[in-house]
């Protein structure tokens, strides 16, 4: 079985917190998402979408 490392601190991941090593690292990652540090790229900007629906 391959041991995964926590993407936040690099320690070995624990199954109960997968893919993190602790609740702390889970919350740090959640903070990154909520703070806008992580973004999922889109192919169409929201502004263009709203223009199309207004017509």
C-alpha atoms as a PDB file:
ATOM      1  CA  UNK A   1       0.000   0.000   0.000  1.00  0.00           C
ATOM      2  CA  UNK A   2       1.311   3.454  -0.917  1.00  0.00           C
ATOM      3  CA  UNK A   3       1.526   6.067   1.830  1.00  0.00           C
ATOM      4  CA  UNK A   4       0.197   9.451   0.785  1.00  0.00           C
ATOM      5  CA  UNK A   5       1.543  12.658   2.216  1.00  0.00           C
ATOM      6  CA  UNK A   6      -0.591  15.504   3.489  1.00  0.00           C
ATOM      7  CA  UNK A   7      -0.796  18.246   0.836  1.00  0.00           C
ATOM      8  CA  UNK A   8      -0.570  20.949   3.527  1.00  0.00           C
ATOM      9  CA  UNK A   9       2.373  19.900   5.714  1.00  0.00           C
ATOM     10  CA  UNK A  10       3.859  16.834   4.010  1.00  0.00           C
ATOM     11  CA  UNK A  11       3.414  14.412   6.942  1.00  0.00           C
ATOM     12  CA  UNK A  12       1.952  10.964   6.236  1.00  0.00           C
ATOM     13  CA  UNK A  13      -1.818  11.094   5.718  1.00  0.00           C
ATOM     14  CA  UNK A  14      -4.134   9.384   8.199  1.00  0.00           C
ATOM     15  CA  UNK A  15      -7.147   7.501   6.764  1.00  0.00           C
ATOM     16  CA  UNK A  16      -9.675   9.235   9.018  1.00  0.00           C
ATOM     17  CA  UNK A  17      -8.512  12.651   7.709  1.00  0.00           C
ATOM     18  CA  UNK A  18      -7.721  11.515   4.156  1.00  0.00           C
ATOM     19  CA  UNK A  19      -5.903  13.044   2.301  1.00  0.00           C
ATOM     20  CA  UNK A  20      -4.669  15.074   5.273  1.00  0.00           C
ATOM     21  CA  UNK A  21      -2.764  14.144   8.426  1.00  0.00           C
ATOM     22  CA  UNK A  22      -4.960  15.982  10.929  1.00  0.00           C
ATOM     23  CA  UNK A  23      -8.099  18.034  11.459  1.00  0.00           C
ATOM     24  CA  UNK A  24      -5.878  21.117  11.559  1.00  0.00           C
ATOM     25  CA  UNK A  25      -4.628  20.525   8.013  1.00  0.00           C
ATOM     26  CA  UNK A  26      -8.210  19.850   6.854  1.00  0.00           C
ATOM     27  CA  UNK A  27      -9.273  23.230   8.225  1.00  0.00           C
ATOM     28  CA  UNK A  28      -6.282  25.011   6.719  1.00  0.00           C
ATOM     29  CA  UNK A  29      -7.235  23.575   3.311  1.00  0.00           C
ATOM     30  CA  UNK A  30     -10.881  24.598   3.809  1.00  0.00           C
ATOM     31  CA  UNK A  31      -9.676  28.114   4.624  1.00  0.00           C
ATOM     32  CA  UNK A  32      -7.744  28.185   1.353  1.00  0.00           C
ATOM     33  CA  UNK A  33     -10.920  27.289  -0.576  1.00  0.00           C
ATOM     34  CA  UNK A  34     -13.111  29.760   1.294  1.00  0.00           C
ATOM     35  CA  UNK A  35     -10.503  32.512   1.000  1.00  0.00           C
ATOM     36  CA  UNK A  36     -10.342  32.122  -2.771  1.00  0.00           C
ATOM     37  CA  UNK A  37      -6.748  30.844  -2.820  1.00  0.00           C
ATOM     38  CA  UNK A  38      -7.841  27.812  -4.847  1.00  0.00           C
ATOM     39  CA  UNK A  39      -9.814  28.411  -8.009  1.00  0.00           C
ATOM     40  CA  UNK A  40     -11.297  26.065 -10.562  1.00  0.00           C
ATOM     41  CA  UNK A  41     -10.680  27.488 -14.032  1.00  0.00           C
ATOM     42  CA  UNK A  42     -13.659  27.929 -16.311  1.00  0.00           C
ATOM     43  CA  UNK A  43     -13.854  28.144 -20.060  1.00  0.00           C
ATOM     44  CA  UNK A  44     -16.406  30.933 -20.096  1.00  0.00           C
ATOM     45  CA  UNK A  45     -16.371  33.949 -17.840  1.00  0.00           C
ATOM     46  CA  UNK A  46     -19.446  34.774 -15.758  1.00  0.00           C
ATOM     47  CA  UNK A  47     -19.668  38.190 -17.368  1.00  0.00           C
ATOM     48  CA  UNK A  48     -20.084  36.650 -20.842  1.00  0.00           C
ATOM     49  CA  UNK A  49     -22.721  34.262 -19.537  1.00  0.00           C
ATOM     50  CA  UNK A  50     -24.790  37.097 -18.056  1.00  0.00           C
ATOM     51  CA  UNK A  51     -24.593  39.070 -21.320  1.00  0.00           C
ATOM     52  CA  UNK A  52     -25.999  36.116 -23.252  1.00  0.00           C
ATOM     53  CA  UNK A  53     -28.926  35.614 -20.863  1.00  0.00           C
ATOM     54  CA  UNK A  54     -29.920  39.272 -20.817  1.00  0.00           C
ATOM     55  CA  UNK A  55     -30.586  39.413 -24.576  1.00  0.00           C
END
